[in-house]
Amino acid sequence: MALNPYDLFDVRSLLSDEERAVQDTVARFTDERVRPIIGDAFDQGRFPRELVPEIAEMGLLGSSLPTMYGCA
């Protein structure tokens, strides 16, 4: 089995199908929406706020906060 340079500890194998689907969705979003603009945003010293609604729509905001606060 070849070593994946992006997942050296093979964490993906520990994820459920749903978690892998989320990971894939975020990777696609990053490739399609973040990568094309992040260099310019960095050079301008700004946070790309125009991405926030899309990030929120994907349910990623507050995803690490406990369910007791109404989060994922």
PDB file of N, CA and C in Angstrom:
ATOM      1  N   MET A   1       0.846  -1.186   0.000  1.00  0.00           N
ATOM      2  CA  MET A   1       0.000   0.000   0.000  1.00  0.00           C
ATOM      3  C   MET A   1       0.885   1.241   0.000  1.00  0.00           C
ATOM      4  N   ALA A   2       0.628   2.157  -0.913  1.00  0.00           N
ATOM      5  CA  ALA A   2       1.426   3.369  -1.026  1.00  0.00           C
ATOM      6  C   ALA A   2       1.067   4.356   0.082  1.00  0.00           C
ATOM      7  N   LEU A   3       2.068   5.076   0.539  1.00  0.00           N
ATOM      8  CA  LEU A   3       1.883   6.083   1.571  1.00  0.00           C
ATOM      9  C   LEU A   3       1.283   7.337   0.959  1.00  0.00           C
ATOM     10  N   ASN A   4       0.181   7.819   1.534  1.00  0.00           N
ATOM     11  CA  ASN A   4      -0.466   9.035   1.050  1.00  0.00           C
ATOM     12  C   ASN A   4       0.228  10.230   1.713  1.00  0.00           C
ATOM     13  N   PRO A   5       0.887  11.092   0.952  1.00  0.00           N
ATOM     14  CA  PRO A   5       1.615  12.212   1.560  1.00  0.00           C
ATOM     15  C   PRO A   5       0.705  13.230   2.242  1.00  0.00           C
ATOM     16  N   TYR A   6      -0.605  13.197   1.953  1.00  0.00           N
ATOM     17  CA  TYR A   6      -1.547  14.122   2.576  1.00  0.00           C
ATOM     18  C   TYR A   6      -2.224  13.521   3.808  1.00  0.00           C
ATOM     19  N   ASP A   7      -1.980  12.253   4.070  1.00  0.00           N
ATOM     20  CA  ASP A   7      -2.590  11.564   5.213  1.00  0.00           C
ATOM     21  C   ASP A   7      -1.597  10.528   5.741  1.00  0.00           C
ATOM     22  N   LEU A   8      -0.488  11.024   6.254  1.00  0.00           N
ATOM     23  CA  LEU A   8       0.613  10.145   6.663  1.00  0.00           C
ATOM     24  C   LEU A   8       0.209   9.144   7.736  1.00  0.00           C
ATOM     25  N   PHE A   9      -0.755   9.487   8.565  1.00  0.00           N
ATOM     26  CA  PHE A   9      -1.185   8.588   9.633  1.00  0.00           C
ATOM     27  C   PHE A   9      -2.450   7.819   9.270  1.00  0.00           C
ATOM     28  N   ASP A  10      -2.864   7.905   8.012  1.00  0.00           N
ATOM     29  CA  ASP A  10      -4.032   7.182   7.505  1.00  0.00           C
ATOM     30  C   ASP A  10      -5.287   7.470   8.333  1.00  0.00           C
ATOM     31  N   VAL A  11      -5.457   8.714   8.695  1.00  0.00           N
ATOM     32  CA  VAL A  11      -6.612   9.128   9.500  1.00  0.00           C
ATOM     33  C   VAL A  11      -7.916   8.879   8.746  1.00  0.00           C
ATOM     34  N   ARG A  12      -7.888   9.051   7.426  1.00  0.00           N
ATOM     35  CA  ARG A  12      -9.106   8.874   6.626  1.00  0.00           C
ATOM     36  C   ARG A  12      -9.720   7.498   6.841  1.00  0.00           C
ATOM     37  N   SER A  13      -8.903   6.488   7.051  1.00  0.00           N
ATOM     38  CA  SER A  13      -9.433   5.135   7.256  1.00  0.00           C
ATOM     39  C   SER A  13     -10.220   5.026   8.558  1.00  0.00           C
ATOM     40  N   LEU A  14     -10.031   5.970   9.470  1.00  0.00           N
ATOM     41  CA  LEU A  14     -10.738   5.956  10.747  1.00  0.00           C
ATOM     42  C   LEU A  14     -12.084   6.673  10.678  1.00  0.00           C
ATOM     43  N   LEU A  15     -12.337   7.366   9.558  1.00  0.00           N
ATOM     44  CA  LEU A  15     -13.561   8.147   9.424  1.00  0.00           C
ATOM     45  C   LEU A  15     -14.726   7.285   8.932  1.00  0.00           C
ATOM     46  N   SER A  16     -15.916   7.686   9.330  1.00  0.00           N
ATOM     47  CA  SER A  16     -17.129   7.040   8.816  1.00  0.00           C
ATOM     48  C   SER A  16     -17.363   7.510   7.387  1.00  0.00           C
ATOM     49  N   ASP A  17     -18.286   6.872   6.699  1.00  0.00           N
ATOM     50  CA  ASP A  17     -18.621   7.286   5.333  1.00  0.00           C
ATOM     51  C   ASP A  17     -19.099   8.738   5.312  1.00  0.00           C
ATOM     52  N   GLU A  18     -19.902   9.112   6.297  1.00  0.00           N
ATOM     53  CA  GLU A  18     -20.407  10.480   6.375  1.00  0.00           C
ATOM     54  C   GLU A  18     -19.265  11.476   6.588  1.00  0.00           C
ATOM     55  N   GLU A  19     -18.329  11.134   7.470  1.00  0.00           N
ATOM     56  CA  GLU A  19     -17.194  12.019   7.728  1.00  0.00           C
ATOM     57  C   GLU A  19     -16.307  12.155   6.490  1.00  0.00           C
ATOM     58  N   ARG A  20     -16.128  11.072   5.752  1.00  0.00           N
ATOM     59  CA  ARG A  20     -15.350  11.145   4.508  1.00  0.00           C
ATOM     60  C   ARG A  20     -16.061  12.018   3.477  1.00  0.00           C
ATOM     61  N   ALA A  21     -17.383  11.947   3.438  1.00  0.00           N
ATOM     62  CA  ALA A  21     -18.154  12.784   2.513  1.00  0.00           C
ATOM     63  C   ALA A  21     -17.970  14.265   2.860  1.00  0.00           C
ATOM     64  N   VAL A  22     -17.976  14.591   4.146  1.00  0.00           N
ATOM     65  CA  VAL A  22     -17.751  15.969   4.578  1.00  0.00           C
ATOM     66  C   VAL A  22     -16.339  16.397   4.182  1.00  0.00           C
ATOM     67  N   GLN A  23     -15.367  15.534   4.429  1.00  0.00           N
ATOM     68  CA  GLN A  23     -13.989  15.835   4.074  1.00  0.00           C
ATOM     69  C   GLN A  23     -13.858  16.102   2.569  1.00  0.00           C
ATOM     70  N   ASP A  24     -14.502  15.296   1.766  1.00  0.00           N
ATOM     71  CA  ASP A  24     -14.458  15.475   0.311  1.00  0.00           C
ATOM     72  C   ASP A  24     -15.124  16.779  -0.118  1.00  0.00           C
ATOM     73  N   THR A  25     -16.249  17.108   0.512  1.00  0.00           N
ATOM     74  CA  THR A  25     -16.965  18.343   0.196  1.00  0.00           C
ATOM     75  C   THR A  25     -16.112  19.560   0.526  1.00  0.00           C
ATOM     76  N   VAL A  26     -15.480  19.538   1.677  1.00  0.00           N
ATOM     77  CA  VAL A  26     -14.627  20.660   2.083  1.00  0.00           C
ATOM     78  C   VAL A  26     -13.409  20.758   1.168  1.00  0.00           C
ATOM     79  N   ALA A  27     -12.854  19.630   0.779  1.00  0.00           N
ATOM     80  CA  ALA A  27     -11.706  19.646  -0.143  1.00  0.00           C
ATOM     81  C   ALA A  27     -12.097  20.257  -1.486  1.00  0.00           C
ATOM     82  N   ARG A  28     -13.266  19.894  -2.003  1.00  0.00           N
ATOM     83  CA  ARG A  28     -13.745  20.467  -3.269  1.00  0.00           C
ATOM     84  C   ARG A  28     -13.953  21.977  -3.140  1.00  0.00           C
ATOM     85  N   PHE A  29     -14.591  22.382  -2.039  1.00  0.00           N
ATOM     86  CA  PHE A  29     -14.823  23.808  -1.791  1.00  0.00           C
ATOM     87  C   PHE A  29     -13.490  24.553  -1.737  1.00  0.00           C
ATOM     88  N   THR A  30     -12.533  23.989  -1.057  1.00  0.00           N
ATOM     89  CA  THR A  30     -11.217  24.619  -0.937  1.00  0.00           C
ATOM     90  C   THR A  30     -10.558  24.757  -2.303  1.00  0.00           C
ATOM     91  N   ASP A  31     -10.607  23.694  -3.091  1.00  0.00           N
ATOM     92  CA  ASP A  31     -10.000  23.737  -4.426  1.00  0.00           C
ATOM     93  C   ASP A  31     -10.697  24.736  -5.349  1.00  0.00           C
ATOM     94  N   GLU A  32     -12.023  24.761  -5.294  1.00  0.00           N
ATOM     95  CA  GLU A  32     -12.794  25.569  -6.242  1.00  0.00           C
ATOM     96  C   GLU A  32     -12.966  27.026  -5.828  1.00  0.00           C
ATOM     97  N   ARG A  33     -13.114  27.276  -4.520  1.00  0.00           N
ATOM     98  CA  ARG A  33     -13.456  28.628  -4.067  1.00  0.00           C
ATOM     99  C   ARG A  33     -12.335  29.325  -3.294  1.00  0.00           C
ATOM    100  N   VAL A  34     -11.570  28.591  -2.506  1.00  0.00           N
ATOM    101  CA  VAL A  34     -10.563  29.225  -1.653  1.00  0.00           C
ATOM    102  C   VAL A  34      -9.245  29.416  -2.397  1.00  0.00           C
ATOM    103  N   ARG A  35      -8.727  28.363  -2.982  1.00  0.00           N
ATOM    104  CA  ARG A  35      -7.418  28.444  -3.621  1.00  0.00           C
ATOM    105  C   ARG A  35      -7.299  29.551  -4.665  1.00  0.00           C
ATOM    106  N   PRO A  36      -8.324  29.781  -5.493  1.00  0.00           N
ATOM    107  CA  PRO A  36      -8.183  30.839  -6.509  1.00  0.00           C
ATOM    108  C   PRO A  36      -8.037  32.254  -5.939  1.00  0.00           C
ATOM    109  N   ILE A  37      -8.512  32.491  -4.709  1.00  0.00           N
ATOM    110  CA  ILE A  37      -8.503  33.865  -4.190  1.00  0.00           C
ATOM    111  C   ILE A  37      -7.618  34.063  -2.968  1.00  0.00           C
ATOM    112  N   ILE A  38      -7.143  32.993  -2.361  1.00  0.00           N
ATOM    113  CA  ILE A  38      -6.473  33.132  -1.065  1.00  0.00           C
ATOM    114  C   ILE A  38      -5.144  33.875  -1.166  1.00  0.00           C
ATOM    115  N   GLY A  39      -4.433  33.716  -2.269  1.00  0.00           N
ATOM    116  CA  GLY A  39      -3.166  34.430  -2.429  1.00  0.00           C
ATOM    117  C   GLY A  39      -3.360  35.934  -2.448  1.00  0.00           C
ATOM    118  N   ASP A  40      -4.352  36.389  -3.208  1.00  0.00           N
ATOM    119  CA  ASP A  40      -4.645  37.824  -3.258  1.00  0.00           C
ATOM    120  C   ASP A  40      -5.132  38.335  -1.909  1.00  0.00           C
ATOM    121  N   ALA A  41      -5.973  37.557  -1.248  1.00  0.00           N
ATOM    122  CA  ALA A  41      -6.463  37.966   0.070  1.00  0.00           C
ATOM    123  C   ALA A  41      -5.290  38.105   1.042  1.00  0.00           C
ATOM    124  N   PHE A  42      -4.353  37.172   0.981  1.00  0.00           N
ATOM    125  CA  PHE A  42      -3.178  37.245   1.846  1.00  0.00           C
ATOM    126  C   PHE A  42      -2.367  38.496   1.532  1.00  0.00           C
ATOM    127  N   ASP A  43      -2.116  38.721   0.249  1.00  0.00           N
ATOM    128  CA  ASP A  43      -1.327  39.888  -0.165  1.00  0.00           C
ATOM    129  C   ASP A  43      -1.990  41.194   0.272  1.00  0.00           C
ATOM    130  N   GLN A  44      -3.331  41.205   0.277  1.00  0.00           N
ATOM    131  CA  GLN A  44      -4.079  42.395   0.681  1.00  0.00           C
ATOM    132  C   GLN A  44      -4.268  42.477   2.197  1.00  0.00           C
ATOM    133  N   GLY A  45      -3.881  41.428   2.908  1.00  0.00           N
ATOM    134  CA  GLY A  45      -4.024  41.408   4.361  1.00  0.00           C
ATOM    135  C   GLY A  45      -5.472  41.407   4.810  1.00  0.00           C
ATOM    136  N   ARG A  46      -6.300  40.644   4.080  1.00  0.00           N
ATOM    137  CA  ARG A  46      -7.722  40.622   4.428  1.00  0.00           C
ATOM    138  C   ARG A  46      -8.227  39.186   4.506  1.00  0.00           C
ATOM    139  N   PHE A  47      -9.275  39.021   5.289  1.00  0.00           N
ATOM    140  CA  PHE A  47      -9.951  37.726   5.372  1.00  0.00           C
ATOM    141  C   PHE A  47     -11.025  37.706   4.286  1.00  0.00           C
ATOM    142  N   PRO A  48     -11.122  36.635   3.497  1.00  0.00           N
ATOM    143  CA  PRO A  48     -12.109  36.587   2.416  1.00  0.00           C
ATOM    144  C   PRO A  48     -13.531  36.353   2.950  1.00  0.00           C
ATOM    145  N   ARG A  49     -14.124  37.397   3.474  1.00  0.00           N
ATOM    146  CA  ARG A  49     -15.450  37.310   4.094  1.00  0.00           C
ATOM    147  C   ARG A  49     -16.525  36.850   3.126  1.00  0.00           C
ATOM    148  N   GLU A  50     -16.292  37.030   1.846  1.00  0.00           N
ATOM    149  CA  GLU A  50     -17.289  36.610   0.866  1.00  0.00           C
ATOM    150  C   GLU A  50     -17.504  35.099   0.879  1.00  0.00           C
ATOM    151  N   LEU A  51     -16.586  34.360   1.490  1.00  0.00           N
ATOM    152  CA  LEU A  51     -16.724  32.910   1.575  1.00  0.00           C
ATOM    153  C   LEU A  51     -17.549  32.459   2.782  1.00  0.00           C
ATOM    154  N   VAL A  52     -17.732  33.329   3.749  1.00  0.00           N
ATOM    155  CA  VAL A  52     -18.408  32.951   4.993  1.00  0.00           C
ATOM    156  C   VAL A  52     -19.815  32.395   4.770  1.00  0.00           C
ATOM    157  N   PRO A  53     -20.662  33.010   3.940  1.00  0.00           N
ATOM    158  CA  PRO A  53     -21.994  32.432   3.745  1.00  0.00           C
ATOM    159  C   PRO A  53     -21.951  30.999   3.203  1.00  0.00           C
ATOM    160  N   GLU A  54     -21.025  30.725   2.302  1.00  0.00           N
ATOM    161  CA  GLU A  54     -20.910  29.370   1.760  1.00  0.00           C
ATOM    162  C   GLU A  54     -20.410  28.395   2.819  1.00  0.00           C
ATOM    163  N   ILE A  55     -19.471  28.851   3.640  1.00  0.00           N
ATOM    164  CA  ILE A  55     -18.955  28.009   4.721  1.00  0.00           C
ATOM    165  C   ILE A  55     -20.073  27.711   5.720  1.00  0.00           C
ATOM    166  N   ALA A  56     -20.878  28.721   6.025  1.00  0.00           N
ATOM    167  CA  ALA A  56     -22.002  28.540   6.937  1.00  0.00           C
ATOM    168  C   ALA A  56     -23.037  27.591   6.346  1.00  0.00           C
ATOM    169  N   GLU A  57     -23.308  27.742   5.051  1.00  0.00           N
ATOM    170  CA  GLU A  57     -24.283  26.878   4.384  1.00  0.00           C
ATOM    171  C   GLU A  57     -23.868  25.406   4.442  1.00  0.00           C
ATOM    172  N   MET A  58     -22.572  25.172   4.427  1.00  0.00           N
ATOM    173  CA  MET A  58     -22.071  23.789   4.529  1.00  0.00           C
ATOM    174  C   MET A  58     -22.131  23.267   5.958  1.00  0.00           C
ATOM    175  N   GLY A  59     -22.470  24.135   6.912  1.00  0.00           N
ATOM    176  CA  GLY A  59     -22.584  23.711   8.300  1.00  0.00           C
ATOM    177  C   GLY A  59     -21.258  23.604   9.019  1.00  0.00           C
ATOM    178  N   LEU A  60     -20.248  24.314   8.539  1.00  0.00           N
ATOM    179  CA  LEU A  60     -18.919  24.193   9.124  1.00  0.00           C
ATOM    180  C   LEU A  60     -18.659  25.153  10.269  1.00  0.00           C
ATOM    181  N   LEU A  61     -19.444  26.212  10.376  1.00  0.00           N
ATOM    182  CA  LEU A  61     -19.236  27.155  11.474  1.00  0.00           C
ATOM    183  C   LEU A  61     -19.763  26.553  12.769  1.00  0.00           C
ATOM    184  N   GLY A  62     -18.941  26.539  13.776  1.00  0.00           N
ATOM    185  CA  GLY A  62     -19.331  25.971  15.058  1.00  0.00           C
ATOM    186  C   GLY A  62     -19.311  24.455  15.087  1.00  0.00           C
ATOM    187  N   SER A  63     -18.729  23.837  14.069  1.00  0.00           N
ATOM    188  CA  SER A  63     -18.752  22.369  13.998  1.00  0.00           C
ATOM    189  C   SER A  63     -17.968  21.701  15.115  1.00  0.00           C
ATOM    190  N   SER A  64     -17.066  22.440  15.756  1.00  0.00           N
ATOM    191  CA  SER A  64     -16.293  21.831  16.838  1.00  0.00           C
ATOM    192  C   SER A  64     -16.857  22.160  18.213  1.00  0.00           C
ATOM    193  N   LEU A  65     -17.957  22.907  18.253  1.00  0.00           N
ATOM    194  CA  LEU A  65     -18.585  23.255  19.525  1.00  0.00           C
ATOM    195  C   LEU A  65     -19.584  22.168  19.919  1.00  0.00           C
ATOM    196  N   PRO A  66     -19.773  21.975  21.210  1.00  0.00           N
ATOM    197  CA  PRO A  66     -20.654  20.897  21.695  1.00  0.00           C
ATOM    198  C   PRO A  66     -22.118  21.067  21.287  1.00  0.00           C
ATOM    199  N   THR A  67     -22.831  19.958  21.232  1.00  0.00           N
ATOM    200  CA  THR A  67     -24.253  19.972  20.894  1.00  0.00           C
ATOM    201  C   THR A  67     -25.063  20.727  21.951  1.00  0.00           C
ATOM    202  N   MET A  68     -24.574  20.805  23.165  1.00  0.00           N
ATOM    203  CA  MET A  68     -25.299  21.531  24.224  1.00  0.00           C
ATOM    204  C   MET A  68     -25.456  23.012  23.879  1.00  0.00           C
ATOM    205  N   TYR A  69     -24.659  23.496  22.921  1.00  0.00           N
ATOM    206  CA  TYR A  69     -24.775  24.884  22.455  1.00  0.00           C
ATOM    207  C   TYR A  69     -25.501  24.951  21.117  1.00  0.00           C
ATOM    208  N   GLY A  70     -26.076  23.848  20.701  1.00  0.00           N
ATOM    209  CA  GLY A  70     -26.826  23.809  19.450  1.00  0.00           C
ATOM    210  C   GLY A  70     -25.958  23.607  18.225  1.00  0.00           C
ATOM    211  N   CYS A  71     -24.747  23.127  18.419  1.00  0.00           N
ATOM    212  CA  CYS A  71     -23.839  22.926  17.290  1.00  0.00           C
ATOM    213  C   CYS A  71     -23.746  21.452  16.934  1.00  0.00           C
ATOM    214  N   ALA A  72     -22.947  21.161  15.912  1.00  0.00           N
ATOM    215  CA  ALA A  72     -22.844  19.788  15.405  1.00  0.00           C
ATOM    216  C   ALA A  72     -22.333  18.817  16.443  1.00  0.00           C
TER     217      ALA A  72
END
